[in-house]
N, C-alpha and C. Protein backbone atom coordinates (compact mmCIF):
# COMPACT_ATOMS: atom_id res chain seq x y z
N UNK A 1 -11.02 -3.64 -21.36
CA UNK A 1 -11.71 -2.39 -21.12
C UNK A 1 -12.75 -2.58 -20.03
N UNK A 2 -12.93 -1.58 -19.17
CA UNK A 2 -13.89 -1.62 -18.08
C UNK A 2 -15.28 -1.36 -18.64
N UNK A 3 -16.21 -2.23 -18.28
CA UNK A 3 -17.58 -2.07 -18.73
C UNK A 3 -18.51 -1.98 -17.53
N UNK A 4 -19.70 -1.44 -17.75
CA UNK A 4 -20.69 -1.37 -16.69
C UNK A 4 -20.64 -0.06 -15.91
N UNK A 5 -21.65 0.10 -15.12
CA UNK A 5 -21.75 1.30 -14.28
C UNK A 5 -20.98 1.08 -12.99
N UNK A 6 -20.30 2.12 -12.53
CA UNK A 6 -19.61 2.08 -11.24
C UNK A 6 -20.46 2.85 -10.25
N UNK A 7 -20.76 2.21 -9.11
CA UNK A 7 -21.65 2.81 -8.12
C UNK A 7 -21.00 2.82 -6.74
N UNK A 8 -21.33 3.83 -5.95
CA UNK A 8 -21.10 3.81 -4.51
C UNK A 8 -22.46 3.57 -3.87
N UNK A 9 -22.54 2.56 -3.02
CA UNK A 9 -23.78 2.21 -2.34
C UNK A 9 -23.59 2.50 -0.85
N UNK A 10 -24.54 3.23 -0.26
CA UNK A 10 -24.45 3.59 1.15
C UNK A 10 -24.73 2.38 2.03
N UNK A 11 -23.88 2.16 3.05
CA UNK A 11 -24.10 1.09 4.02
C UNK A 11 -24.43 1.64 5.40
N UNK A 12 -24.38 2.96 5.57
CA UNK A 12 -24.74 3.60 6.83
C UNK A 12 -25.66 4.78 6.54
N UNK A 13 -26.43 5.22 7.55
CA UNK A 13 -27.29 6.39 7.34
C UNK A 13 -26.50 7.64 6.93
N UNK A 14 -25.32 7.83 7.50
CA UNK A 14 -24.50 8.99 7.16
C UNK A 14 -24.04 8.93 5.71
N UNK A 15 -23.69 7.75 5.25
CA UNK A 15 -23.28 7.59 3.86
C UNK A 15 -24.46 7.87 2.93
N UNK A 16 -25.63 7.42 3.31
CA UNK A 16 -26.83 7.68 2.50
C UNK A 16 -27.12 9.17 2.43
N UNK A 17 -27.01 9.85 3.57
CA UNK A 17 -27.22 11.31 3.59
C UNK A 17 -26.22 12.01 2.67
N UNK A 18 -24.97 11.56 2.69
CA UNK A 18 -23.94 12.19 1.85
C UNK A 18 -24.24 11.98 0.37
N UNK A 19 -24.69 10.80 0.01
CA UNK A 19 -25.01 10.50 -1.38
C UNK A 19 -26.32 11.15 -1.82
N UNK A 20 -27.20 11.40 -0.84
CA UNK A 20 -28.52 11.94 -1.16
C UNK A 20 -29.45 10.89 -1.72
N UNK A 21 -29.05 9.63 -1.63
CA UNK A 21 -29.82 8.51 -2.15
C UNK A 21 -29.14 7.23 -1.66
N UNK A 22 -29.77 6.07 -1.84
CA UNK A 22 -29.12 4.83 -1.42
C UNK A 22 -27.83 4.51 -2.19
N UNK A 23 -27.73 5.03 -3.42
CA UNK A 23 -26.53 4.79 -4.22
C UNK A 23 -26.33 5.95 -5.18
N UNK A 24 -25.09 6.06 -5.67
CA UNK A 24 -24.77 7.09 -6.66
C UNK A 24 -23.84 6.50 -7.70
N UNK A 25 -24.18 6.78 -8.96
CA UNK A 25 -23.32 6.35 -10.05
C UNK A 25 -22.18 7.34 -10.22
N UNK A 26 -21.00 6.82 -10.41
CA UNK A 26 -19.84 7.65 -10.69
C UNK A 26 -19.67 7.71 -12.20
N UNK A 27 -19.79 8.89 -12.77
CA UNK A 27 -19.71 9.01 -14.22
C UNK A 27 -18.44 9.73 -14.68
N UNK A 28 -17.84 10.53 -13.82
CA UNK A 28 -16.59 11.24 -14.14
C UNK A 28 -15.46 10.65 -13.32
N UNK A 29 -14.34 10.42 -13.96
CA UNK A 29 -13.18 9.85 -13.27
C UNK A 29 -11.96 10.72 -13.48
N UNK A 30 -11.09 10.85 -12.49
CA UNK A 30 -11.23 10.24 -11.18
C UNK A 30 -12.38 10.87 -10.40
N UNK A 31 -13.04 10.04 -9.58
CA UNK A 31 -14.14 10.47 -8.73
C UNK A 31 -13.56 10.73 -7.36
N UNK A 32 -13.61 11.98 -6.90
CA UNK A 32 -12.92 12.39 -5.68
C UNK A 32 -13.88 12.56 -4.50
N UNK A 33 -13.42 12.12 -3.32
CA UNK A 33 -14.22 12.17 -2.10
C UNK A 33 -13.40 12.84 -1.01
N UNK A 34 -14.04 13.73 -0.24
CA UNK A 34 -13.35 14.39 0.87
C UNK A 34 -14.31 15.10 1.80
N UNK A 35 -13.75 15.64 2.87
CA UNK A 35 -14.54 16.33 3.89
C UNK A 35 -14.96 17.71 3.41
N UNK A 36 -16.17 18.06 3.72
CA UNK A 36 -16.67 19.40 3.43
C UNK A 36 -16.06 20.34 4.46
N UNK A 37 -15.19 21.22 4.02
CA UNK A 37 -14.50 22.14 4.94
C UNK A 37 -14.70 23.58 4.50
N UNK A 38 -15.88 23.85 3.96
CA UNK A 38 -16.15 25.18 3.42
C UNK A 38 -16.79 26.09 4.45
N UNK A 39 -16.49 25.90 5.72
CA UNK A 39 -17.09 26.73 6.75
C UNK A 39 -18.56 26.42 6.89
N UNK A 40 -18.87 25.12 6.90
CA UNK A 40 -20.26 24.71 6.92
C UNK A 40 -20.94 25.02 8.24
N UNK A 41 -22.20 25.26 8.13
CA UNK A 41 -23.04 25.45 9.31
C UNK A 41 -24.32 24.69 9.08
N UNK A 42 -24.65 23.80 10.00
CA UNK A 42 -25.90 23.06 9.92
C UNK A 42 -26.97 23.80 10.68
N UNK A 43 -28.14 23.85 10.09
CA UNK A 43 -29.29 24.45 10.75
C UNK A 43 -30.34 23.35 10.92
N UNK A 44 -31.40 23.59 11.70
CA UNK A 44 -32.44 22.58 11.85
C UNK A 44 -33.07 22.19 10.50
N UNK A 45 -33.01 23.08 9.53
CA UNK A 45 -33.54 22.77 8.20
C UNK A 45 -32.52 22.04 7.33
N UNK A 46 -31.33 21.76 7.86
CA UNK A 46 -30.31 21.05 7.11
C UNK A 46 -29.53 21.92 6.15
N UNK A 47 -29.63 23.23 6.25
CA UNK A 47 -28.95 24.13 5.33
C UNK A 47 -27.46 24.16 5.66
N UNK A 48 -26.66 24.10 4.64
CA UNK A 48 -25.21 24.20 4.78
C UNK A 48 -24.77 25.43 4.02
N UNK A 49 -24.07 26.34 4.70
CA UNK A 49 -23.65 27.57 4.03
C UNK A 49 -22.48 27.29 3.11
N UNK A 50 -22.45 27.97 1.99
CA UNK A 50 -21.39 27.82 0.99
C UNK A 50 -20.43 28.99 1.12
N UNK A 51 -19.15 28.69 1.35
CA UNK A 51 -18.18 29.76 1.51
C UNK A 51 -17.07 29.69 0.47
N UNK A 52 -17.26 28.87 -0.54
CA UNK A 52 -16.27 28.78 -1.60
C UNK A 52 -16.30 30.06 -2.42
N UNK A 53 -15.17 30.49 -2.91
CA UNK A 53 -15.12 31.68 -3.75
C UNK A 53 -15.86 31.44 -5.05
N UNK A 54 -16.64 32.43 -5.50
CA UNK A 54 -17.34 32.26 -6.77
C UNK A 54 -16.34 31.95 -7.90
N UNK A 55 -16.70 30.98 -8.72
CA UNK A 55 -15.84 30.62 -9.84
C UNK A 55 -14.78 29.60 -9.51
N UNK A 56 -14.59 29.27 -8.22
CA UNK A 56 -13.57 28.28 -7.88
C UNK A 56 -14.10 26.88 -8.20
N UNK A 57 -13.19 25.98 -8.50
CA UNK A 57 -13.55 24.62 -8.87
C UNK A 57 -13.57 23.75 -7.62
N UNK A 58 -14.61 22.93 -7.43
CA UNK A 58 -14.64 22.03 -6.27
C UNK A 58 -13.48 21.03 -6.33
N UNK A 59 -12.97 20.65 -5.18
CA UNK A 59 -11.87 19.68 -5.14
C UNK A 59 -12.38 18.25 -4.97
N UNK A 60 -13.69 18.09 -4.78
CA UNK A 60 -14.29 16.76 -4.62
C UNK A 60 -15.59 16.66 -5.40
N UNK A 61 -15.92 15.42 -5.75
CA UNK A 61 -17.21 15.13 -6.37
C UNK A 61 -18.24 14.78 -5.31
N UNK A 62 -17.79 14.24 -4.19
CA UNK A 62 -18.65 13.89 -3.06
C UNK A 62 -18.04 14.49 -1.81
N UNK A 63 -18.83 15.31 -1.13
CA UNK A 63 -18.39 15.93 0.12
C UNK A 63 -19.06 15.24 1.29
N UNK A 64 -18.25 14.90 2.31
CA UNK A 64 -18.74 14.26 3.52
C UNK A 64 -18.68 15.27 4.66
N UNK A 65 -19.79 15.45 5.32
CA UNK A 65 -19.89 16.42 6.40
C UNK A 65 -19.48 15.76 7.70
N UNK A 66 -18.50 16.34 8.38
CA UNK A 66 -18.03 15.81 9.65
C UNK A 66 -17.82 16.98 10.59
N UNK A 67 -18.62 17.01 11.65
CA UNK A 67 -18.59 18.15 12.55
C UNK A 67 -17.93 17.85 13.89
N UNK A 68 -17.79 16.57 14.24
CA UNK A 68 -17.28 16.20 15.56
C UNK A 68 -15.86 15.68 15.50
N UNK A 69 -15.13 15.92 16.58
CA UNK A 69 -13.78 15.37 16.73
C UNK A 69 -13.90 13.98 17.35
N UNK A 70 -13.00 13.06 17.13
CA UNK A 70 -11.92 13.17 16.16
C UNK A 70 -12.45 12.95 14.75
N UNK A 71 -11.87 13.67 13.82
CA UNK A 71 -12.31 13.57 12.44
C UNK A 71 -11.66 12.38 11.75
N UNK A 72 -12.45 11.71 10.93
CA UNK A 72 -11.97 10.56 10.15
C UNK A 72 -11.65 10.94 8.72
N UNK A 73 -12.33 11.97 8.22
CA UNK A 73 -12.29 12.30 6.81
C UNK A 73 -11.40 13.52 6.56
N UNK A 74 -10.45 13.39 5.66
CA UNK A 74 -9.60 14.51 5.26
C UNK A 74 -10.29 15.32 4.17
N UNK A 75 -9.88 16.56 3.99
CA UNK A 75 -10.48 17.42 2.96
C UNK A 75 -10.38 16.80 1.58
N UNK A 76 -9.27 16.19 1.29
CA UNK A 76 -9.07 15.47 0.02
C UNK A 76 -8.67 14.05 0.40
N UNK A 77 -9.67 13.19 0.56
CA UNK A 77 -9.44 11.89 1.20
C UNK A 77 -9.03 10.78 0.24
N UNK A 78 -9.89 10.44 -0.73
CA UNK A 78 -9.52 9.39 -1.69
C UNK A 78 -10.19 9.67 -3.02
N UNK A 79 -9.74 8.92 -4.03
CA UNK A 79 -10.37 9.00 -5.34
C UNK A 79 -10.45 7.60 -5.94
N UNK A 80 -11.45 7.44 -6.79
CA UNK A 80 -11.60 6.19 -7.53
C UNK A 80 -11.39 6.52 -9.00
N UNK A 81 -10.50 5.77 -9.62
CA UNK A 81 -10.22 5.99 -11.03
C UNK A 81 -10.40 4.66 -11.77
N UNK A 82 -10.49 4.72 -13.08
CA UNK A 82 -10.63 3.51 -13.87
C UNK A 82 -9.57 3.49 -14.96
N UNK A 83 -9.26 2.28 -15.37
CA UNK A 83 -8.31 2.07 -16.45
C UNK A 83 -8.85 0.97 -17.33
N UNK A 84 -8.07 0.55 -18.28
CA UNK A 84 -8.49 -0.55 -19.16
C UNK A 84 -8.63 -1.87 -18.41
N UNK A 85 -7.97 -1.99 -17.26
CA UNK A 85 -7.98 -3.26 -16.54
C UNK A 85 -8.90 -3.28 -15.33
N UNK A 86 -9.44 -2.14 -14.91
CA UNK A 86 -10.33 -2.14 -13.75
C UNK A 86 -10.37 -0.81 -13.05
N UNK A 87 -10.75 -0.87 -11.78
CA UNK A 87 -10.88 0.34 -10.95
C UNK A 87 -9.83 0.33 -9.86
N UNK A 88 -9.38 1.53 -9.48
CA UNK A 88 -8.34 1.69 -8.46
C UNK A 88 -8.79 2.75 -7.48
N UNK A 89 -8.61 2.48 -6.19
CA UNK A 89 -8.80 3.50 -5.16
C UNK A 89 -7.44 4.04 -4.79
N UNK A 90 -7.29 5.36 -4.81
CA UNK A 90 -6.05 6.02 -4.40
C UNK A 90 -6.34 6.91 -3.22
N UNK A 91 -5.67 6.65 -2.10
CA UNK A 91 -5.77 7.54 -0.94
C UNK A 91 -5.00 8.81 -1.29
N UNK A 92 -5.62 9.96 -1.06
CA UNK A 92 -5.03 11.25 -1.45
C UNK A 92 -4.24 11.86 -0.30
N UNK A 93 -3.40 11.05 0.34
CA UNK A 93 -2.55 11.48 1.45
C UNK A 93 -3.39 11.92 2.64
N UNK A 94 -4.45 11.13 2.94
CA UNK A 94 -5.31 11.44 4.08
C UNK A 94 -4.59 11.14 5.39
N UNK A 95 -5.11 11.69 6.47
CA UNK A 95 -4.52 11.47 7.78
C UNK A 95 -4.84 10.09 8.32
N UNK A 96 -6.10 9.64 8.21
CA UNK A 96 -6.53 8.37 8.80
C UNK A 96 -6.49 7.20 7.83
N UNK A 97 -6.34 7.46 6.54
CA UNK A 97 -6.33 6.38 5.57
C UNK A 97 -7.74 5.97 5.19
N UNK A 98 -7.83 4.98 4.32
CA UNK A 98 -9.08 4.44 3.82
C UNK A 98 -9.01 2.93 3.97
N UNK A 99 -10.06 2.32 4.50
CA UNK A 99 -10.07 0.87 4.70
C UNK A 99 -10.89 0.24 3.58
N UNK A 100 -10.27 -0.67 2.84
CA UNK A 100 -10.94 -1.39 1.77
C UNK A 100 -10.85 -2.89 2.10
N UNK A 101 -12.01 -3.49 2.35
CA UNK A 101 -12.06 -4.91 2.68
C UNK A 101 -11.07 -5.26 3.80
N UNK A 102 -11.01 -4.41 4.82
CA UNK A 102 -10.16 -4.67 5.99
C UNK A 102 -8.72 -4.25 5.84
N UNK A 103 -8.30 -3.83 4.66
CA UNK A 103 -6.91 -3.40 4.43
C UNK A 103 -6.85 -1.88 4.40
N UNK A 104 -5.97 -1.30 5.21
CA UNK A 104 -5.82 0.15 5.25
C UNK A 104 -4.91 0.61 4.12
N UNK A 105 -5.40 1.59 3.38
CA UNK A 105 -4.65 2.21 2.29
C UNK A 105 -4.34 3.63 2.73
N UNK A 106 -3.09 4.04 2.68
CA UNK A 106 -2.71 5.40 3.07
C UNK A 106 -2.72 5.59 4.57
N UNK A 107 -2.99 6.81 4.98
CA UNK A 107 -2.91 7.19 6.37
C UNK A 107 -1.58 7.86 6.66
N UNK A 108 -1.55 8.67 7.68
CA UNK A 108 -0.34 9.41 8.04
C UNK A 108 0.20 10.21 6.85
N UNK A 109 -0.70 10.68 6.00
CA UNK A 109 -0.42 11.52 4.82
C UNK A 109 0.53 10.87 3.81
N UNK A 110 0.59 9.52 3.79
CA UNK A 110 1.51 8.87 2.86
C UNK A 110 0.85 8.41 1.57
N UNK A 111 -0.50 8.37 1.50
CA UNK A 111 -1.16 7.95 0.27
C UNK A 111 -1.01 6.47 0.01
N UNK A 112 -1.45 6.04 -1.15
CA UNK A 112 -1.35 4.64 -1.55
C UNK A 112 -2.49 4.29 -2.47
N UNK A 113 -2.37 3.14 -3.14
CA UNK A 113 -3.40 2.69 -4.08
C UNK A 113 -3.72 1.22 -3.85
N UNK A 114 -4.92 0.84 -4.31
CA UNK A 114 -5.38 -0.52 -4.18
C UNK A 114 -6.42 -0.78 -5.27
N UNK A 115 -6.36 -1.95 -5.90
CA UNK A 115 -7.37 -2.32 -6.90
C UNK A 115 -8.71 -2.53 -6.22
N UNK A 116 -9.78 -2.05 -6.87
CA UNK A 116 -11.14 -2.23 -6.36
C UNK A 116 -11.84 -3.32 -7.15
N UNK A 117 -12.67 -4.08 -6.45
CA UNK A 117 -13.44 -5.15 -7.07
C UNK A 117 -14.91 -4.99 -6.68
N UNK A 118 -15.78 -5.50 -7.52
CA UNK A 118 -17.22 -5.44 -7.25
C UNK A 118 -17.51 -6.03 -5.87
N UNK A 119 -18.22 -5.25 -5.05
CA UNK A 119 -18.59 -5.70 -3.71
C UNK A 119 -17.67 -5.26 -2.61
N UNK A 120 -16.54 -4.64 -2.92
CA UNK A 120 -15.61 -4.18 -1.89
C UNK A 120 -16.27 -3.14 -1.00
N UNK A 121 -16.03 -3.27 0.31
CA UNK A 121 -16.52 -2.30 1.29
C UNK A 121 -15.42 -1.28 1.54
N UNK A 122 -15.81 0.00 1.49
CA UNK A 122 -14.88 1.11 1.68
C UNK A 122 -15.29 1.87 2.93
N UNK A 123 -14.37 2.00 3.90
CA UNK A 123 -14.60 2.81 5.09
C UNK A 123 -13.70 4.03 4.98
N UNK A 124 -14.29 5.20 5.05
CA UNK A 124 -13.55 6.46 4.89
C UNK A 124 -12.99 6.85 6.25
N UNK A 125 -11.71 6.61 6.47
CA UNK A 125 -11.08 6.92 7.75
C UNK A 125 -10.87 5.65 8.56
N UNK A 126 -11.03 5.77 9.87
CA UNK A 126 -10.81 4.65 10.77
C UNK A 126 -12.03 3.72 10.80
N UNK A 127 -11.90 2.62 11.51
CA UNK A 127 -13.01 1.66 11.61
C UNK A 127 -14.21 2.25 12.35
N UNK A 128 -14.04 3.38 13.02
CA UNK A 128 -15.14 4.06 13.73
C UNK A 128 -15.86 5.09 12.86
N UNK A 129 -15.45 5.23 11.62
CA UNK A 129 -16.04 6.22 10.73
C UNK A 129 -17.50 5.89 10.42
N UNK A 130 -18.35 6.92 10.37
CA UNK A 130 -19.75 6.69 10.00
C UNK A 130 -19.94 6.56 8.49
N UNK A 131 -18.90 6.76 7.70
CA UNK A 131 -19.01 6.74 6.25
C UNK A 131 -18.51 5.41 5.69
N UNK A 132 -19.47 4.53 5.41
CA UNK A 132 -19.16 3.20 4.91
C UNK A 132 -19.96 2.99 3.61
N UNK A 133 -19.25 2.60 2.56
CA UNK A 133 -19.84 2.41 1.24
C UNK A 133 -19.46 1.04 0.70
N UNK A 134 -20.26 0.58 -0.25
CA UNK A 134 -19.91 -0.62 -1.02
C UNK A 134 -19.68 -0.16 -2.46
N UNK A 135 -18.60 -0.65 -3.06
CA UNK A 135 -18.29 -0.36 -4.45
C UNK A 135 -18.95 -1.44 -5.30
N UNK A 136 -19.74 -1.02 -6.28
CA UNK A 136 -20.42 -1.97 -7.16
C UNK A 136 -20.15 -1.64 -8.62
N UNK A 137 -19.98 -2.66 -9.41
CA UNK A 137 -19.86 -2.51 -10.86
C UNK A 137 -20.97 -3.38 -11.45
N UNK A 138 -21.80 -2.75 -12.26
CA UNK A 138 -22.91 -3.54 -12.79
C UNK A 138 -23.39 -3.05 -14.13
C-alpha cells in the first residue's frame, strides 16, 4: 500500500505561480494537470476571467496558463494516479508529451504511462517548457 503524502514541488517560477505556493499536496487521485483554455485574459492585477459554464465540472485539478506559441501544455495533459504498488504518471494523449527523468511519455496524442518515484522531475511538454516540477512522496 502507498503511504505518505504525494507532493508536486515547483522547480521554476512559472510552476510556483501555477501551484500558488512552492509545493502542493495531491489529495485526490487521479490528479489531473492541463492547460487553462477557458478564454483566459491576464490583466496587470493578474485577474483571469472564468468562462466555464456554471455547474460544469473542471477537467483538471491544476491549470497551467500558457499564452505564447508554441504551446507545450495540452488542455488535458497528464495525470498522476496511485495504486497499492506506487504512483503512475499517465500522459492524457497530449501533443508534446511529458518528460519524466529525461524519458518522454506520450506525445503526438498517443498517451502512455510511467511509474513515478520520489524525486522524479516532471517537465510538462518539451524540454523548453517553463513548467517543471519534482514529484515527492514523504
